[in-house]
Amino acid sequence: MTHIHNPYDKQGIWLRGSFHNHTTCSDGHHPLSTVYRMYHDYDFLGISDHDRITVHEGEHTIGTLFEAVEVSSSQTHMLLVHPPSTLMEGYSNEFSIANYQRLSDACVENGGLSILAHPNRFFSHYWRHEDMLSMQRYNGIEVVNGDGNPEYDIAFDKWDYLLSAGRKIWGFGNDDFHVYGQEKRAWNMVLAKEKTNEAILAAIREGSFYVSTGYGFDGIRVEEGQIIYDLRSSPLYDKMYKYVTLIGKEGRILHEETGRMKQVKYAYDGDEGYIRIAVYLEGGFGAFSQPLFVE
């Protein structure tokens, strides 16, 4: 009997946010107060300066704030969201599996998130396949990094590599904001029970979120041997042309569809391994689901 694990099969509210953003406390060009204003309408926001935890302070209109840190060796970077305050005691950003795993474990055990950052940034700070497999405890990787270059800030290939190797990890979208023009390029839409730090982290740990660069889903359901994707609908969206791809294990294309549809249905056969969907609007804005694992 085939079972589909659907992380979207729950009640909640959709919340928009990003975890990877910098200020003048590291190499960002803008102080914390300016970053708050630029993301004033987000439901949650993380500040992840390099190798330090920037404390939130001052006025803001953002619903929920997260402390974070970008562990920044010269080889690879790792984003830790909601780390323990003790993380910086004896801290080192030296890259070794043992050191990165120690930091990752401390964050995960604190109820936070461990995310491998921009794994395809090949000119520096990228993750090799063998190192990603050697790391044993982390929540996901950045599949869309908003730094701005599609040649090295998109990493769906490495996500499929890890998923096909049996790793149940999630894909994240973040701005990696440093300067004006990099804001609000990629974000995470989280289906949480309420707008609190705990509820957002709990939903993400379960995979109840998707990555957006401007489009989205109204819901994802499993009914009578089919996965039903309800695409974001409005009088304007419904008139726009869409490009849909469903991807399975080893990056296999399971289904492709184009047109002015509001819904996509896929009848699964049980040997897909996992099923994830990528949807693009004409013009390029996209939405990318987490994998629905097939057991």
Foldseek 3Di string as FASTA:
>chain_A
DKDWFDLQPDAFDKFKEFAAAEDPVAQFPHHPVVVLVLCQPGQEYHYAHELDWDDDDDDHNHNYYWTWYWLDDFAAIKIKIRADPCLSPVDDSDDDLVNLLVRQVRRVVSLIFIEGEQQQQVVTHHDDLVSVVSRDDGAYYAQAELPPDPNRRHPVLSVLVCLLVVDQHWYFYHQNHRDPPSPLQKIKIFGFHDSYPNRRSVSSSSQRIKMWRPWAWPGWDDDDQKIKTQTDDDPVLLQWKKWKWKAFHPRDTDDIDIDSDRMDMDRDDQPRQWIKMWMATVVGIIMIGTTTGMD
